[in-house]
PDB file of all heavy atoms in Angstrom:
ATOM      1  N   GLY A   1       0.803  -1.214  -0.006  1.00  0.00           N
ATOM      2  CA  GLY A   1      -0.003  -0.006  -0.007  1.00  0.00           C
ATOM      3  C   GLY A   1       0.847   1.262   0.000  1.00  0.00           C
ATOM      4  O   GLY A   1       2.073   1.222  -0.099  1.00  0.00           O
ATOM      5  N   SER A   2       0.137   2.386   0.111  1.00  0.00           N
ATOM      6  CA  SER A   2       0.789   3.696   0.052  1.00  0.00           C
ATOM      7  C   SER A   2       0.340   4.573   1.215  1.00  0.00           C
ATOM      8  O   SER A   2      -0.769   4.420   1.729  1.00  0.00           O
ATOM      9  CB  SER A   2       0.447   4.405  -1.256  1.00  0.00           C
ATOM     10  OG  SER A   2       0.903   3.674  -2.373  1.00  0.00           O
ATOM     11  N   LEU A   3       1.223   5.469   1.606  1.00  0.00           N
ATOM     12  CA  LEU A   3       0.907   6.524   2.581  1.00  0.00           C
ATOM     13  C   LEU A   3       1.670   7.779   2.157  1.00  0.00           C
ATOM     14  O   LEU A   3       2.718   7.687   1.510  1.00  0.00           O
ATOM     15  CB  LEU A   3       1.352   6.125   3.991  1.00  0.00           C
ATOM     16  CG  LEU A   3       0.485   5.186   4.813  1.00  0.00           C
ATOM     17  CD1 LEU A   3       1.190   4.865   6.132  1.00  0.00           C
ATOM     18  CD2 LEU A   3      -0.883   5.801   5.075  1.00  0.00           C
ATOM     19  N   ARG A   4       1.101   8.894   2.563  1.00  0.00           N
ATOM     20  CA  ARG A   4       1.782  10.175   2.313  1.00  0.00           C
ATOM     21  C   ARG A   4       1.941  10.899   3.647  1.00  0.00           C
ATOM     22  O   ARG A   4       0.951  11.206   4.322  1.00  0.00           O
ATOM     23  CB  ARG A   4       0.999  11.035   1.343  1.00  0.00           C
ATOM     24  CG  ARG A   4       1.707  12.323   0.928  1.00  0.00           C
ATOM     25  CD  ARG A   4       0.893  13.079  -0.098  1.00  0.00           C
ATOM     26  NE  ARG A   4       1.557  14.311  -0.528  1.00  0.00           N
ATOM     27  CZ  ARG A   4       2.441  14.387  -1.514  1.00  0.00           C
ATOM     28  NH1 ARG A   4       2.758  13.292  -2.184  1.00  0.00           N
ATOM     29  NH2 ARG A   4       2.977  15.550  -1.848  1.00  0.00           N
ATOM     30  N   LEU A   5       3.180  11.174   4.011  1.00  0.00           N
ATOM     31  CA  LEU A   5       3.477  11.938   5.222  1.00  0.00           C
ATOM     32  C   LEU A   5       3.699  13.386   4.861  1.00  0.00           C
ATOM     33  O   LEU A   5       4.284  13.698   3.814  1.00  0.00           O
ATOM     34  CB  LEU A   5       4.732  11.379   5.894  1.00  0.00           C
ATOM     35  CG  LEU A   5       4.737   9.903   6.255  1.00  0.00           C
ATOM     36  CD1 LEU A   5       6.039   9.543   6.979  1.00  0.00           C
ATOM     37  CD2 LEU A   5       3.543   9.526   7.110  1.00  0.00           C
ATOM     38  N   SER A   6       3.248  14.259   5.731  1.00  0.00           N
ATOM     39  CA  SER A   6       3.462  15.692   5.550  1.00  0.00           C
ATOM     40  C   SER A   6       4.076  16.281   6.817  1.00  0.00           C
ATOM     41  O   SER A   6       3.799  15.812   7.905  1.00  0.00           O
ATOM     42  CB  SER A   6       2.151  16.399   5.229  1.00  0.00           C
ATOM     43  OG  SER A   6       1.671  16.014   3.970  1.00  0.00           O
ATOM     44  N   CYS A   7       4.898  17.302   6.615  1.00  0.00           N
ATOM     45  CA  CYS A   7       5.532  17.994   7.725  1.00  0.00           C
ATOM     46  C   CYS A   7       5.361  19.486   7.498  1.00  0.00           C
ATOM     47  O   CYS A   7       5.856  20.028   6.511  1.00  0.00           O
ATOM     48  CB  CYS A   7       7.008  17.635   7.797  1.00  0.00           C
ATOM     49  SG  CYS A   7       7.962  18.595   8.978  1.00  0.00           S
ATOM     50  N   ALA A   8       4.642  20.122   8.405  1.00  0.00           N
ATOM     51  CA  ALA A   8       4.406  21.569   8.319  1.00  0.00           C
ATOM     52  C   ALA A   8       5.366  22.286   9.234  1.00  0.00           C
ATOM     53  O   ALA A   8       5.497  21.952  10.414  1.00  0.00           O
ATOM     54  CB  ALA A   8       2.966  21.875   8.708  1.00  0.00           C
ATOM     55  N   ALA A   9       6.057  23.286   8.677  1.00  0.00           N
ATOM     56  CA  ALA A   9       7.036  24.057   9.438  1.00  0.00           C
ATOM     57  C   ALA A   9       6.425  25.386   9.906  1.00  0.00           C
ATOM     58  O   ALA A   9       5.524  25.922   9.270  1.00  0.00           O
ATOM     59  CB  ALA A   9       8.271  24.319   8.590  1.00  0.00           C
ATOM     60  N   SER A  10       6.969  25.895  10.999  1.00  0.00           N
ATOM     61  CA  SER A  10       6.431  27.131  11.573  1.00  0.00           C
ATOM     62  C   SER A  10       6.966  28.382  10.890  1.00  0.00           C
ATOM     63  O   SER A  10       6.558  29.490  11.221  1.00  0.00           O
ATOM     64  CB  SER A  10       6.751  27.190  13.084  1.00  0.00           C
ATOM     65  OG  SER A  10       8.150  27.109  13.296  1.00  0.00           O
ATOM     66  N   ARG A  11       7.903  28.194   9.948  1.00  0.00           N
ATOM     67  CA  ARG A  11       8.398  29.330   9.210  1.00  0.00           C
ATOM     68  C   ARG A  11       8.808  28.863   7.817  1.00  0.00           C
ATOM     69  O   ARG A  11       8.811  27.678   7.500  1.00  0.00           O
ATOM     70  CB  ARG A  11       9.578  29.976   9.937  1.00  0.00           C
ATOM     71  CG  ARG A  11      10.833  29.125  10.010  1.00  0.00           C
ATOM     72  CD  ARG A  11      11.849  29.768  10.932  1.00  0.00           C
ATOM     73  NE  ARG A  11      13.195  29.254  10.708  1.00  0.00           N
ATOM     74  CZ  ARG A  11      14.124  29.235  11.634  1.00  0.00           C
ATOM     75  NH1 ARG A  11      13.856  29.679  12.844  1.00  0.00           N
ATOM     76  NH2 ARG A  11      15.326  28.790  11.366  1.00  0.00           N
ATOM     77  N   SER A  12       9.155  29.833   6.968  1.00  0.00           N
ATOM     78  CA  SER A  12       9.473  29.515   5.574  1.00  0.00           C
ATOM     79  C   SER A  12      10.565  28.475   5.490  1.00  0.00           C
ATOM     80  O   SER A  12      11.579  28.515   6.189  1.00  0.00           O
ATOM     81  CB  SER A  12       9.948  30.783   4.863  1.00  0.00           C
ATOM     82  OG  SER A  12      10.449  30.459   3.579  1.00  0.00           O
ATOM     83  N   ILE A  13      10.365  27.509   4.576  1.00  0.00           N
ATOM     84  CA  ILE A  13      11.367  26.463   4.405  1.00  0.00           C
ATOM     85  C   ILE A  13      12.632  26.993   3.735  1.00  0.00           C
ATOM     86  O   ILE A  13      13.639  26.300   3.694  1.00  0.00           O
ATOM     87  CB  ILE A  13      10.788  25.259   3.634  1.00  0.00           C
ATOM     88  CG1 ILE A  13      10.372  25.643   2.230  1.00  0.00           C
ATOM     89  CG2 ILE A  13       9.620  24.658   4.393  1.00  0.00           C
ATOM     90  CD1 ILE A  13       9.895  24.468   1.395  1.00  0.00           C
ATOM     91  N   PHE A  14      12.574  28.231   3.237  1.00  0.00           N
ATOM     92  CA  PHE A  14      13.769  28.836   2.679  1.00  0.00           C
ATOM     93  C   PHE A  14      14.802  29.122   3.761  1.00  0.00           C
ATOM     94  O   PHE A  14      15.966  29.360   3.460  1.00  0.00           O
ATOM     95  CB  PHE A  14      13.443  30.146   1.965  1.00  0.00           C
ATOM     96  CG  PHE A  14      12.960  29.959   0.547  1.00  0.00           C
ATOM     97  CD1 PHE A  14      11.789  30.547   0.111  1.00  0.00           C
ATOM     98  CD2 PHE A  14      13.681  29.203  -0.349  1.00  0.00           C
ATOM     99  CE1 PHE A  14      11.333  30.375  -1.196  1.00  0.00           C
ATOM    100  CE2 PHE A  14      13.265  29.017  -1.657  1.00  0.00           C
ATOM    101  CZ  PHE A  14      12.088  29.615  -2.077  1.00  0.00           C
ATOM    102  N   THR A  15      14.392  29.106   5.016  1.00  0.00           N
ATOM    103  CA  THR A  15      15.317  29.354   6.100  1.00  0.00           C
ATOM    104  C   THR A  15      16.080  28.086   6.503  1.00  0.00           C
ATOM    105  O   THR A  15      16.964  28.145   7.348  1.00  0.00           O
ATOM    106  CB  THR A  15      14.593  29.893   7.349  1.00  0.00           C
ATOM    107  OG1 THR A  15      13.687  28.876   7.836  1.00  0.00           O
ATOM    108  CG2 THR A  15      13.809  31.141   7.013  1.00  0.00           C
ATOM    109  N   PHE A  16      15.751  26.961   5.861  1.00  0.00           N
ATOM    110  CA  PHE A  16      16.420  25.711   6.173  1.00  0.00           C
ATOM    111  C   PHE A  16      17.442  25.354   5.104  1.00  0.00           C
ATOM    112  O   PHE A  16      17.197  25.535   3.923  1.00  0.00           O
ATOM    113  CB  PHE A  16      15.395  24.571   6.283  1.00  0.00           C
ATOM    114  CG  PHE A  16      14.275  24.857   7.239  1.00  0.00           C
ATOM    115  CD1 PHE A  16      12.963  24.573   6.874  1.00  0.00           C
ATOM    116  CD2 PHE A  16      14.530  25.368   8.495  1.00  0.00           C
ATOM    117  CE1 PHE A  16      11.916  24.801   7.761  1.00  0.00           C
ATOM    118  CE2 PHE A  16      13.482  25.622   9.380  1.00  0.00           C
ATOM    119  CZ  PHE A  16      12.185  25.360   9.007  1.00  0.00           C
ATOM    120  N   ASN A  17      18.564  24.814   5.521  1.00  0.00           N
ATOM    121  CA  ASN A  17      19.554  24.317   4.561  1.00  0.00           C
ATOM    122  C   ASN A  17      19.028  23.069   3.867  1.00  0.00           C
ATOM    123  O   ASN A  17      19.302  22.814   2.703  1.00  0.00           O
ATOM    124  CB  ASN A  17      20.855  24.009   5.261  1.00  0.00           C
ATOM    125  CG  ASN A  17      21.429  25.225   5.938  1.00  0.00           C
ATOM    126  OD1 ASN A  17      21.409  25.321   7.154  1.00  0.00           O
ATOM    127  ND2 ASN A  17      21.927  26.170   5.175  1.00  0.00           N
ATOM    128  N   ALA A  18      18.299  22.256   4.627  1.00  0.00           N
ATOM    129  CA  ALA A  18      17.765  21.011   4.096  1.00  0.00           C
ATOM    130  C   ALA A  18      16.644  20.542   5.004  1.00  0.00           C
ATOM    131  O   ALA A  18      16.578  20.900   6.199  1.00  0.00           O
ATOM    132  CB  ALA A  18      18.831  19.933   4.012  1.00  0.00           C
ATOM    133  N   MET A  19      15.763  19.737   4.450  1.00  0.00           N
ATOM    134  CA  MET A  19      14.718  19.088   5.224  1.00  0.00           C
ATOM    135  C   MET A  19      14.705  17.606   4.849  1.00  0.00           C
ATOM    136  O   MET A  19      15.132  17.238   3.746  1.00  0.00           O
ATOM    137  CB  MET A  19      13.345  19.705   4.955  1.00  0.00           C
ATOM    138  CG  MET A  19      13.233  21.146   5.402  1.00  0.00           C
ATOM    139  SD  MET A  19      11.557  21.780   5.274  1.00  0.00           S
ATOM    140  CE  MET A  19      10.765  20.959   6.672  1.00  0.00           C
ATOM    141  N   GLY A  20      14.242  16.810   5.773  1.00  0.00           N
ATOM    142  CA  GLY A  20      14.236  15.396   5.456  1.00  0.00           C
ATOM    143  C   GLY A  20      13.356  14.602   6.376  1.00  0.00           C
ATOM    144  O   GLY A  20      12.701  15.142   7.276  1.00  0.00           O
ATOM    145  N   TRP A  21      13.331  13.306   6.111  1.00  0.00           N
ATOM    146  CA  TRP A  21      12.601  12.358   6.923  1.00  0.00           C
ATOM    147  C   TRP A  21      13.557  11.271   7.407  1.00  0.00           C
ATOM    148  O   TRP A  21      14.359  10.757   6.633  1.00  0.00           O
ATOM    149  CB  TRP A  21      11.484  11.702   6.097  1.00  0.00           C
ATOM    150  CG  TRP A  21      10.364  12.633   5.783  1.00  0.00           C
ATOM    151  CD1 TRP A  21      10.226  13.430   4.676  1.00  0.00           C
ATOM    152  CD2 TRP A  21       9.228  12.897   6.594  1.00  0.00           C
ATOM    153  NE1 TRP A  21       9.061  14.152   4.746  1.00  0.00           N
ATOM    154  CE2 TRP A  21       8.430  13.849   5.908  1.00  0.00           C
ATOM    155  CE3 TRP A  21       8.756  12.414   7.836  1.00  0.00           C
ATOM    156  CZ2 TRP A  21       7.225  14.329   6.431  1.00  0.00           C
ATOM    157  CZ3 TRP A  21       7.571  12.892   8.332  1.00  0.00           C
ATOM    158  CH2 TRP A  21       6.811  13.834   7.622  1.00  0.00           C
ATOM    159  N   TYR A  22      13.449  10.996   8.677  1.00  0.00           N
ATOM    160  CA  TYR A  22      14.202   9.924   9.304  1.00  0.00           C
ATOM    161  C   TYR A  22      13.195   8.944   9.893  1.00  0.00           C
ATOM    162  O   TYR A  22      12.021   9.280  10.078  1.00  0.00           O
ATOM    163  CB  TYR A  22      15.094  10.466  10.431  1.00  0.00           C
ATOM    164  CG  TYR A  22      16.292  11.235   9.942  1.00  0.00           C
ATOM    165  CD1 TYR A  22      16.159  12.481   9.334  1.00  0.00           C
ATOM    166  CD2 TYR A  22      17.583  10.710  10.080  1.00  0.00           C
ATOM    167  CE1 TYR A  22      17.266  13.198   8.894  1.00  0.00           C
ATOM    168  CE2 TYR A  22      18.706  11.414   9.656  1.00  0.00           C
ATOM    169  CZ  TYR A  22      18.537  12.666   9.067  1.00  0.00           C
ATOM    170  OH  TYR A  22      19.630  13.348   8.630  1.00  0.00           O
ATOM    171  N   ARG A  23      13.639   7.763  10.198  1.00  0.00           N
ATOM    172  CA  ARG A  23      12.760   6.796  10.851  1.00  0.00           C
ATOM    173  C   ARG A  23      13.535   5.989  11.891  1.00  0.00           C
ATOM    174  O   ARG A  23      14.751   5.828  11.782  1.00  0.00           O
ATOM    175  CB  ARG A  23      12.114   5.857   9.836  1.00  0.00           C
ATOM    176  CG  ARG A  23      13.066   4.900   9.117  1.00  0.00           C
ATOM    177  CD  ARG A  23      12.315   4.147   8.038  1.00  0.00           C
ATOM    178  NE  ARG A  23      13.183   3.203   7.327  1.00  0.00           N
ATOM    179  CZ  ARG A  23      12.830   2.516   6.250  1.00  0.00           C
ATOM    180  NH1 ARG A  23      11.603   2.691   5.737  1.00  0.00           N
ATOM    181  NH2 ARG A  23      13.665   1.689   5.691  1.00  0.00           N
ATOM    182  N   GLN A  24      12.777   5.507  12.852  1.00  0.00           N
ATOM    183  CA  GLN A  24      13.379   4.694  13.905  1.00  0.00           C
ATOM    184  C   GLN A  24      12.453   3.550  14.234  1.00  0.00           C
ATOM    185  O   GLN A  24      11.318   3.761  14.698  1.00  0.00           O
ATOM    186  CB  GLN A  24      13.676   5.529  15.154  1.00  0.00           C
ATOM    187  CG  GLN A  24      14.466   4.785  16.192  1.00  0.00           C
ATOM    188  CD  GLN A  24      15.009   5.700  17.281  1.00  0.00           C
ATOM    189  OE1 GLN A  24      14.562   6.824  17.450  1.00  0.00           O
ATOM    190  NE2 GLN A  24      15.998   5.216  18.003  1.00  0.00           N
ATOM    191  N   ALA A  25      12.926   2.350  13.989  1.00  0.00           N
ATOM    192  CA  ALA A  25      12.183   1.134  14.322  1.00  0.00           C
ATOM    193  C   ALA A  25      12.590   0.686  15.735  1.00  0.00           C
ATOM    194  O   ALA A  25      13.671   1.031  16.200  1.00  0.00           O
ATOM    195  CB  ALA A  25      12.482   0.045  13.298  1.00  0.00           C
TER     196      ALA A  25
END
């Protein structure tokens, strides 16, 4: 199956060098 994760930031993403997703099992 499929899922879509979203992450909303409190300020413009232009202020970030990078964004990403990590996971921990």
